[in-house]
Amino acid sequence: MIALLRGSHAVMDFDDQAQLDGSQVENRGRGGIPGGGLAVGGGAAGIIALIVALVFGFDIGGLTGGGGAENPGVQPSSGNLSEKCQKGTDADQDEQCRVVGVVNSLQDYWATKVDGYQPAKTALFEQGVQTECGAAESAVGPFYCPVDRYVYLDLSFFNQLESQLGAKNTPFAQAYVIAHEYGHHVQNLTGTLEQSGGEGAESGSVRVELQADCYSGVWAKNAVDTGFFAKPFTDADIQEALAAASAVGDDSIQQKSGGQVNPDAFTHGTSEQRVTWFTNGYKSGDPARCDTFSGSI
């Protein structure tokens, strides 16, 4: 388990008496990939190449032959976190409970903004997982599957975020990642997720990803109003999110993998764009200001 980072880093402060709903997060434990699963290239370059295509993504269908009837079966849950994660004090002390608190806050916020909002659960896993979008290994990073409406997260990704991509593994960096994935869920409910596709600096894929970054910032601005946090996020918290957003820009990852920056291969946006759109969402606090589909980005 990743320890809570303190010292010079900001620490998210949950309201001690906030009532957590642990049923929104499943702990699926360690899983394998029946039928072989996704073949992952060796070394840092192979992992980074996967992150280029998939981190903070939503469509992993086809990685192992797709989901649906061809899927060998969704891995059963080994239990939700209701017993373990009950109050805000638990979220302050335990990483899995912190995920529960962030997820609870995200869902409470978006339920006030999306008519007929339908919750999306989060599944924590280790090594590999089966989903209705197909099978995935941990190296693909966090992702959202629109078929089963789950966010999938191996917490070891955050160590990778720090060791390979240069961002700090801090509580709010983690919250940014989770909020981005729930941004994809909102897009799925509202229909904008369908506009994703292709590669390139102006592609639908880039526009979808940048909107999810913006939605992440919008939630951050309004999170304290959900009642799960004791106070608004600090400037230090926001800087952690911005550092994580910058680290996963297409140009930054291409450079870290030893290649040249190739805008024609962009799928998520540059570091500057990701920082800009998160900031737009945070400063405005308004989902309507997250239109990445009109004009240039």
Protein backbone atom coordinates (compact mmCIF):
# COMPACT_ATOMS: atom_id res chain seq x y z
CA MET A 1 0.00 0.00 0.00
CA ILE A 2 1.25 3.48 -0.80
CA ALA A 3 1.80 5.54 2.33
CA LEU A 4 0.11 8.88 2.76
CA LEU A 5 2.61 11.54 1.84
CA ARG A 6 3.08 14.29 4.36
CA GLY A 7 5.95 16.60 5.16
CA SER A 8 6.39 19.12 2.36
CA HIS A 9 3.39 17.87 0.42
CA ALA A 10 -0.19 18.97 0.87
CA VAL A 11 -2.53 16.56 2.63
CA MET A 12 -6.19 16.38 1.68
CA ASP A 13 -8.22 16.99 4.82
CA PHE A 14 -11.50 15.11 4.98
CA ASP A 15 -14.26 16.19 7.32
CA ASP A 16 -13.83 13.86 10.29
CA GLN A 17 -17.57 13.18 10.55
CA ALA A 18 -18.24 12.76 6.84
CA GLN A 19 -20.16 9.53 6.24
CA LEU A 20 -18.43 7.43 3.58
CA ASP A 21 -20.24 5.06 1.25
CA GLY A 22 -17.76 2.25 0.80
CA SER A 23 -20.13 0.35 -1.49
CA GLN A 24 -19.09 2.66 -4.34
CA VAL A 25 -15.59 1.17 -4.40
CA GLU A 26 -14.83 -2.54 -4.81
CA ASN A 27 -11.57 -4.17 -3.83
CA ARG A 28 -11.06 -6.93 -6.37
CA GLY A 29 -7.59 -7.80 -5.18
CA ARG A 30 -5.04 -9.56 -7.34
CA GLY A 31 -6.28 -10.86 -10.65
CA GLY A 32 -4.95 -12.54 -13.73
CA ILE A 33 -5.87 -12.32 -17.39
CA PRO A 34 -7.64 -15.48 -18.58
CA GLY A 35 -6.70 -16.46 -22.09
CA GLY A 36 -3.37 -14.65 -22.10
CA GLY A 37 -4.55 -11.07 -21.87
CA LEU A 38 -2.66 -8.00 -22.89
CA ALA A 39 0.94 -8.40 -23.94
CA VAL A 40 3.03 -5.71 -22.28
CA GLY A 41 6.39 -4.64 -23.63
CA GLY A 42 9.33 -4.88 -21.25
CA GLY A 43 11.07 -2.01 -19.53
CA ALA A 44 10.15 1.61 -18.99
CA ALA A 45 9.81 2.38 -22.68
CA GLY A 46 7.20 -0.33 -23.11
CA ILE A 47 5.20 0.86 -20.14
CA ILE A 48 5.40 4.48 -21.24
CA ALA A 49 4.23 3.50 -24.71
CA LEU A 50 1.15 1.93 -23.16
CA ILE A 51 0.57 5.00 -21.04
CA VAL A 52 0.70 7.16 -24.16
CA ALA A 53 -2.25 5.25 -25.58
CA LEU A 54 -4.24 4.40 -22.51
CA VAL A 55 -3.61 6.33 -19.33
CA PHE A 56 -6.70 8.28 -18.40
CA GLY A 57 -8.37 6.59 -21.36
CA PHE A 58 -11.77 4.99 -21.65
CA ASP A 59 -11.76 2.51 -24.50
CA ILE A 60 -9.73 -0.65 -24.00
CA GLY A 61 -12.01 -2.82 -26.12
CA GLY A 62 -9.94 -4.71 -28.65
CA LEU A 63 -6.82 -4.96 -26.52
CA THR A 64 -7.53 -8.62 -25.94
CA GLY A 65 -10.24 -9.23 -28.49
CA GLY A 66 -12.86 -6.88 -27.04
CA GLY A 67 -15.57 -7.27 -24.43
CA GLY A 68 -19.13 -8.44 -24.54
CA ALA A 69 -19.71 -12.06 -25.56
CA GLU A 70 -16.02 -12.61 -26.34
CA ASN A 71 -14.96 -11.54 -22.86
CA PRO A 72 -14.02 -14.59 -20.77
CA GLY A 73 -15.89 -13.12 -17.83
CA VAL A 74 -15.74 -10.13 -15.53
CA GLN A 75 -13.68 -10.83 -12.45
CA PRO A 76 -15.99 -11.08 -9.42
CA SER A 77 -15.64 -8.56 -6.64
CA SER A 78 -13.92 -9.61 -3.44
CA GLY A 79 -15.99 -7.12 -1.50
CA ASN A 80 -16.63 -3.42 -1.14
CA LEU A 81 -14.99 -1.24 1.47
CA SER A 82 -18.05 -0.43 3.60
CA GLU A 83 -16.74 -2.03 6.77
CA LYS A 84 -13.29 -0.54 6.48
CA CYS A 85 -14.19 2.96 5.29
CA GLN A 86 -16.95 4.63 7.28
CA LYS A 87 -15.94 8.18 8.20
CA GLY A 88 -13.71 10.97 7.00
CA THR A 89 -11.13 10.02 9.62
CA ASP A 90 -10.73 6.70 7.81
CA ALA A 91 -10.10 8.54 4.54
CA ASP A 92 -7.39 10.61 6.24
CA GLN A 93 -5.60 7.50 7.44
CA ASP A 94 -6.01 4.87 4.73
CA GLU A 95 -5.32 5.10 1.00
CA GLN A 96 -8.20 2.90 -0.11
CA CYS A 97 -10.58 4.88 2.10
CA ARG A 98 -9.23 8.08 0.58
CA VAL A 99 -10.27 6.72 -2.81
CA VAL A 100 -13.73 6.07 -1.36
CA GLY A 101 -13.95 9.64 -0.06
CA VAL A 102 -12.91 11.15 -3.39
CA VAL A 103 -15.33 8.92 -5.32
CA ASN A 104 -18.18 9.78 -2.95
CA SER A 105 -17.51 13.49 -3.38
CA LEU A 106 -17.29 13.22 -7.16
CA GLN A 107 -20.57 11.37 -7.42
CA ASP A 108 -22.36 13.74 -5.06
CA TYR A 109 -21.17 16.70 -7.10
CA TRP A 110 -22.02 15.32 -10.53
CA ALA A 111 -25.43 14.17 -9.33
CA THR A 112 -26.27 17.87 -8.92
CA LYS A 113 -25.10 18.74 -12.44
CA VAL A 114 -26.20 15.86 -14.67
CA ASP A 115 -29.91 15.15 -14.98
CA GLY A 116 -30.62 11.52 -14.17
CA TYR A 117 -27.05 10.95 -13.04
CA GLN A 118 -26.24 7.26 -12.65
CA PRO A 119 -23.32 6.41 -10.35
CA ALA A 120 -20.21 4.66 -11.60
CA LYS A 121 -18.36 2.34 -9.25
CA THR A 122 -14.60 2.13 -8.91
CA ALA A 123 -12.80 -1.21 -8.87
CA LEU A 124 -9.37 -1.43 -7.26
CA PHE A 125 -7.21 -4.27 -8.55
CA GLU A 126 -3.66 -5.59 -8.69
CA GLN A 127 -1.79 -6.87 -11.73
CA GLY A 128 -4.78 -7.53 -14.00
CA VAL A 129 -8.53 -7.27 -14.27
CA GLN A 130 -11.40 -8.44 -16.44
CA THR A 131 -13.92 -5.84 -17.58
CA GLU A 132 -16.79 -5.64 -20.03
CA CYS A 133 -14.41 -3.70 -22.28
CA GLY A 134 -11.88 -6.53 -22.27
CA ALA A 135 -8.94 -7.63 -20.14
CA ALA A 136 -6.24 -5.26 -18.94
CA GLU A 137 -3.01 -5.40 -17.02
CA SER A 138 -1.87 -2.79 -14.53
CA ALA A 139 0.51 -1.17 -17.02
CA VAL A 140 -2.39 0.37 -18.93
CA GLY A 141 -2.94 2.79 -16.06
CA PRO A 142 -6.32 3.97 -14.72
CA PHE A 143 -9.21 3.75 -17.18
CA TYR A 144 -12.97 4.02 -17.51
CA CYS A 145 -15.02 1.35 -19.24
CA PRO A 146 -18.23 2.83 -20.71
CA VAL A 147 -19.81 -0.61 -21.15
CA ASP A 148 -19.95 -1.60 -17.47
CA ARG A 149 -19.57 1.99 -16.19
CA TYR A 150 -16.67 1.25 -13.89
CA VAL A 151 -13.47 3.15 -13.20
CA TYR A 152 -10.56 0.70 -12.89
CA LEU A 153 -7.53 1.59 -10.81
CA ASP A 154 -4.41 -0.23 -9.68
CA LEU A 155 -2.99 1.93 -6.90
CA SER A 156 0.55 0.96 -7.90
CA PHE A 157 0.08 3.27 -10.89
CA PHE A 158 0.79 6.24 -8.66
CA ASN A 159 4.26 4.92 -7.91
CA GLN A 160 4.79 4.69 -11.65
CA LEU A 161 3.52 8.24 -12.06
CA GLU A 162 6.35 9.39 -9.82
CA SER A 163 9.18 7.02 -10.77
CA GLN A 164 8.72 7.11 -14.55
CA LEU A 165 6.76 10.22 -15.42
CA GLY A 166 8.15 12.72 -12.94
CA ALA A 167 5.02 13.75 -11.01
CA LYS A 168 4.83 13.36 -7.24
CA ASN A 169 2.70 10.59 -5.76
CA THR A 170 0.60 12.78 -3.50
CA PRO A 171 -3.03 12.67 -2.31
CA PHE A 172 -4.31 15.35 -4.63
CA ALA A 173 -2.41 14.03 -7.63
CA GLN A 174 -4.32 10.81 -7.01
CA ALA A 175 -7.58 12.72 -6.67
CA TYR A 176 -6.94 14.42 -10.03
CA VAL A 177 -6.53 11.05 -11.73
CA ILE A 178 -9.76 9.70 -10.24
CA ALA A 179 -11.66 12.89 -11.05
CA HIS A 180 -10.46 12.70 -14.65
CA GLU A 181 -11.87 9.19 -14.97
CA TYR A 182 -15.21 10.30 -13.56
CA GLY A 183 -15.11 13.07 -16.14
CA HIS A 184 -15.24 10.31 -18.74
CA HIS A 185 -18.24 8.84 -16.96
CA VAL A 186 -20.00 12.19 -17.19
CA GLN A 187 -19.14 12.31 -20.89
CA ASN A 188 -20.58 8.83 -21.30
CA LEU A 189 -23.85 9.88 -19.66
CA THR A 190 -24.13 13.09 -21.66
CA GLY A 191 -23.10 11.61 -25.00
CA THR A 192 -19.90 13.58 -25.60
CA LEU A 193 -17.74 10.49 -25.16
CA GLU A 194 -18.95 9.38 -28.59
CA GLN A 195 -16.98 12.25 -30.14
CA SER A 196 -13.68 10.62 -29.26
CA GLY A 197 -11.63 9.10 -32.01
CA GLY A 198 -8.52 9.42 -34.12
CA GLU A 199 -5.11 10.87 -33.44
CA GLY A 200 -3.63 14.31 -33.87
CA ALA A 201 -3.50 17.65 -32.15
CA GLU A 202 -7.10 18.55 -33.05
CA SER A 203 -8.56 15.03 -32.87
CA GLY A 204 -11.70 14.02 -31.08
CA SER A 205 -9.62 11.90 -28.71
CA VAL A 206 -7.62 14.91 -27.56
CA ARG A 207 -10.74 17.02 -27.13
CA VAL A 208 -12.42 14.33 -25.01
CA GLU A 209 -9.37 13.99 -22.78
CA LEU A 210 -8.98 17.72 -22.28
CA GLN A 211 -12.63 18.05 -21.36
CA ALA A 212 -12.15 15.34 -18.72
CA ASP A 213 -9.24 17.37 -17.34
CA CYS A 214 -11.48 20.42 -17.22
CA TYR A 215 -14.21 18.45 -15.44
CA SER A 216 -11.61 17.36 -12.91
CA GLY A 217 -10.82 21.00 -12.19
CA VAL A 218 -14.51 21.88 -11.91
CA TRP A 219 -15.00 19.22 -9.25
CA ALA A 220 -11.91 20.41 -7.36
CA LYS A 221 -13.40 23.91 -7.16
CA ASN A 222 -16.70 22.61 -5.79
CA ALA A 223 -15.56 19.60 -3.76
CA VAL A 224 -15.83 21.23 -0.35
CA ASP A 225 -19.53 21.88 -0.99
CA THR A 226 -20.16 18.12 -1.13
CA GLY A 227 -19.43 17.90 2.59
CA PHE A 228 -16.63 15.38 2.40
CA PHE A 229 -13.76 17.81 2.92
CA ALA A 230 -13.06 20.01 5.91
CA LYS A 231 -11.89 22.96 3.83
CA PRO A 232 -11.32 23.99 0.22
CA PHE A 233 -8.24 22.62 -1.48
CA THR A 234 -5.10 24.69 -1.08
CA ASP A 235 -2.84 26.13 -3.74
CA ALA A 236 -0.38 23.35 -2.87
CA ASP A 237 -3.08 20.76 -3.60
CA ILE A 238 -3.82 22.31 -6.97
CA GLN A 239 -0.13 22.46 -7.86
CA GLU A 240 0.03 18.70 -7.28
CA ALA A 241 -2.77 18.20 -9.80
CA LEU A 242 -1.12 20.53 -12.31
CA ALA A 243 2.18 18.65 -11.98
CA ALA A 244 0.40 15.35 -12.64
CA ALA A 245 -1.47 16.83 -15.62
CA SER A 246 1.77 18.14 -17.08
CA ALA A 247 3.55 14.81 -16.59
CA VAL A 248 0.99 12.93 -18.69
CA GLY A 249 0.93 15.31 -21.65
CA ASP A 250 1.53 13.63 -25.01
CA ASP A 251 4.62 15.71 -25.72
CA SER A 252 6.13 15.03 -22.31
CA ILE A 253 5.61 11.27 -22.58
CA GLN A 254 6.96 11.14 -26.12
CA GLN A 255 10.11 12.90 -24.96
CA LYS A 256 10.51 10.64 -21.92
CA SER A 257 10.19 7.57 -24.14
CA GLY A 258 13.15 8.79 -26.17
CA GLY A 259 11.28 9.94 -29.23
CA GLN A 260 10.57 13.24 -30.89
CA VAL A 261 7.38 15.18 -30.31
CA ASN A 262 4.90 14.12 -32.99
CA PRO A 263 1.61 16.07 -32.86
CA ASP A 264 0.09 13.71 -35.44
CA ALA A 265 0.20 10.96 -32.80
CA PHE A 266 -1.38 12.97 -29.99
CA THR A 267 -4.35 11.36 -28.22
CA HIS A 268 -4.54 13.24 -24.92
CA GLY A 269 -3.13 16.73 -25.47
CA THR A 270 0.12 18.46 -24.61
CA SER A 271 1.28 19.14 -21.08
CA GLU A 272 0.40 22.81 -21.52
CA GLN A 273 -3.09 21.99 -22.78
CA ARG A 274 -3.79 19.58 -19.94
CA VAL A 275 -2.69 22.15 -17.37
CA THR A 276 -4.69 24.89 -19.11
CA TRP A 277 -7.95 22.95 -19.24
CA PHE A 278 -7.71 21.74 -15.64
CA THR A 279 -7.07 25.35 -14.65
CA ASN A 280 -10.03 26.57 -16.72
CA GLY A 281 -12.29 24.15 -14.88
CA TYR A 282 -10.88 25.03 -11.48
CA LYS A 283 -11.06 28.79 -11.93
CA SER A 284 -14.58 28.79 -13.33
CA GLY A 285 -16.08 25.94 -11.30
CA ASP A 286 -18.56 25.61 -14.16
CA PRO A 287 -18.90 22.52 -16.38
CA ALA A 288 -20.31 24.73 -19.13
CA ARG A 289 -16.86 26.30 -19.47
CA CYS A 290 -15.40 22.93 -20.49
CA ASP A 291 -16.38 22.99 -24.14
CA THR A 292 -13.31 21.61 -25.85
CA PHE A 293 -15.22 20.77 -29.02
CA SER A 294 -15.72 24.33 -30.32
CA GLY A 295 -12.83 26.04 -32.05
CA SER A 296 -9.17 25.47 -31.37
CA ILE A 297 -7.83 23.90 -28.22
